Amino acid sequence: MAAITPAIAGMVALSVLAQILALSMLPASNGLTAPLPTLGMALGFAVGIGIMARIAYAGINLGLLVPIMSALVPLGAIAVSVLVFKEPASTAKIGMLLAACGLIGAANLV
């Protein structure tokens, strides 16, 4: 496994941001019927997954990369839904999501 350098960490951050931006365009896509938001969403996912491919090519194990992305992207999407779209989020919901992220991290150590 390759070392996690600042460049790799930056690539992870960019991939997460691209995927969160893509997810934030989902409501505006109107079920994939609005062309521009749908295109933006597709491009965001393509960029995010493309960066993940480059991270894997750099030698980071998928067993590390996928759990990290599986935790960060949903948390970021929920943050956007609460802060931008004003959706409610109970303390229990946020606590359960953070616990799930902890379990994902713990599973990676096994």
Protein backbone atom coordinates (compact mmCIF):
# COMPACT_ATOMS: atom_id res chain seq x y z
CA MET A 1 0.00 0.00 0.00
CA ALA A 2 1.25 3.45 -0.88
CA ALA A 3 1.62 6.14 1.76
CA ILE A 4 -1.16 8.66 2.13
CA THR A 5 0.62 11.84 1.07
CA PRO A 6 -0.82 15.36 1.14
CA ALA A 7 -1.44 15.02 -2.61
CA ILE A 8 -3.50 11.84 -2.06
CA ALA A 9 -5.43 13.50 0.77
CA GLY A 10 -6.15 16.43 -1.54
CA MET A 11 -7.37 14.07 -4.24
CA VAL A 12 -9.68 12.38 -1.73
CA ALA A 13 -11.05 15.80 -0.75
CA LEU A 14 -11.62 16.75 -4.40
CA SER A 15 -13.36 13.45 -5.11
CA VAL A 16 -15.62 13.87 -2.09
CA LEU A 17 -16.47 17.45 -3.07
CA ALA A 18 -17.23 16.47 -6.67
CA GLN A 19 -19.57 13.70 -5.55
CA ILE A 20 -21.29 15.92 -2.96
CA LEU A 21 -21.82 18.61 -5.60
CA ALA A 22 -23.26 15.98 -7.93
CA LEU A 23 -25.63 14.77 -5.21
CA SER A 24 -26.69 18.34 -4.46
CA MET A 25 -27.85 18.68 -8.08
CA LEU A 26 -30.14 15.67 -7.76
CA PRO A 27 -33.27 17.66 -6.72
CA ALA A 28 -32.77 20.16 -9.55
CA SER A 29 -32.52 17.34 -12.10
CA ASN A 30 -36.28 16.67 -11.72
CA GLY A 31 -35.85 12.94 -12.06
CA LEU A 32 -33.13 13.34 -14.71
CA THR A 33 -35.50 15.33 -16.96
CA ALA A 34 -33.82 18.74 -16.61
CA PRO A 35 -30.81 18.65 -18.98
CA LEU A 36 -28.34 21.04 -17.32
CA PRO A 37 -28.62 19.79 -13.73
CA THR A 38 -28.56 16.21 -15.02
CA LEU A 39 -25.40 16.94 -17.02
CA GLY A 40 -23.83 18.67 -14.02
CA MET A 41 -24.69 15.70 -11.83
CA ALA A 42 -23.21 13.23 -14.34
CA LEU A 43 -20.04 15.29 -14.69
CA GLY A 44 -19.67 15.59 -10.92
CA PHE A 45 -19.92 11.83 -10.48
CA ALA A 46 -17.57 11.20 -13.43
CA VAL A 47 -14.96 13.54 -11.95
CA GLY A 48 -15.35 12.07 -8.46
CA ILE A 49 -15.08 8.46 -9.62
CA GLY A 50 -12.26 9.38 -12.01
CA ILE A 51 -10.26 10.86 -9.14
CA MET A 52 -10.92 7.72 -7.11
CA ALA A 53 -9.50 5.66 -9.99
CA ARG A 54 -6.35 7.80 -9.95
CA ILE A 55 -6.04 7.34 -6.18
CA ALA A 56 -6.32 3.57 -6.58
CA TYR A 57 -3.76 3.69 -9.41
CA ALA A 58 -1.41 5.56 -7.04
CA GLY A 59 -1.42 2.45 -4.85
CA ILE A 60 -4.00 3.18 -2.16
CA ASN A 61 -5.88 -0.02 -1.33
CA LEU A 62 -9.56 -0.16 -2.23
CA GLY A 63 -10.11 -1.61 1.24
CA LEU A 64 -9.10 1.78 2.63
CA LEU A 65 -10.40 4.09 -0.10
CA VAL A 66 -13.95 2.76 -0.44
CA PRO A 67 -14.80 2.86 3.29
CA ILE A 68 -13.45 6.41 3.57
CA MET A 69 -15.55 7.53 0.62
CA SER A 70 -18.54 5.56 1.91
CA ALA A 71 -18.41 7.59 5.10
CA LEU A 72 -17.48 11.05 3.83
CA VAL A 73 -19.77 11.39 0.80
CA PRO A 74 -23.03 10.61 2.66
CA LEU A 75 -22.04 12.82 5.60
CA GLY A 76 -21.27 15.67 3.22
CA ALA A 77 -24.52 15.15 1.35
CA ILE A 78 -26.46 15.26 4.60
CA ALA A 79 -24.67 18.45 5.60
CA VAL A 80 -25.70 20.00 2.28
CA SER A 81 -29.29 18.81 2.71
CA VAL A 82 -29.49 20.39 6.17
CA LEU A 83 -27.60 23.61 5.43
CA VAL A 84 -28.73 24.33 1.86
CA PHE A 85 -32.09 22.61 1.46
CA LYS A 86 -33.14 23.17 5.10
CA GLU A 87 -34.09 19.53 5.63
CA PRO A 88 -34.46 18.46 9.25
CA ALA A 89 -31.84 16.30 10.92
CA SER A 90 -32.42 15.00 14.41
CA THR A 91 -29.64 14.44 16.89
CA ALA A 92 -30.37 10.71 16.72
CA LYS A 93 -29.99 10.70 12.93
CA ILE A 94 -26.67 12.51 13.04
CA GLY A 95 -25.46 10.32 15.91
CA MET A 96 -26.33 7.15 14.03
CA LEU A 97 -24.52 8.37 10.92
CA LEU A 98 -21.41 9.21 12.92
CA ALA A 99 -21.58 5.79 14.60
CA ALA A 100 -21.84 4.17 11.16
CA CYS A 101 -18.74 6.06 10.06
CA GLY A 102 -16.94 4.78 13.16
CA LEU A 103 -17.98 1.22 12.32
CA ILE A 104 -16.76 1.63 8.76
CA GLY A 105 -13.40 2.79 10.10
CA ALA A 106 -13.24 -0.05 12.62
CA ALA A 107 -14.09 -2.61 9.94
CA ASN A 108 -11.12 -1.38 7.93
CA LEU A 109 -8.81 -2.21 10.84
CA VAL A 110 -9.89 -5.85 10.99
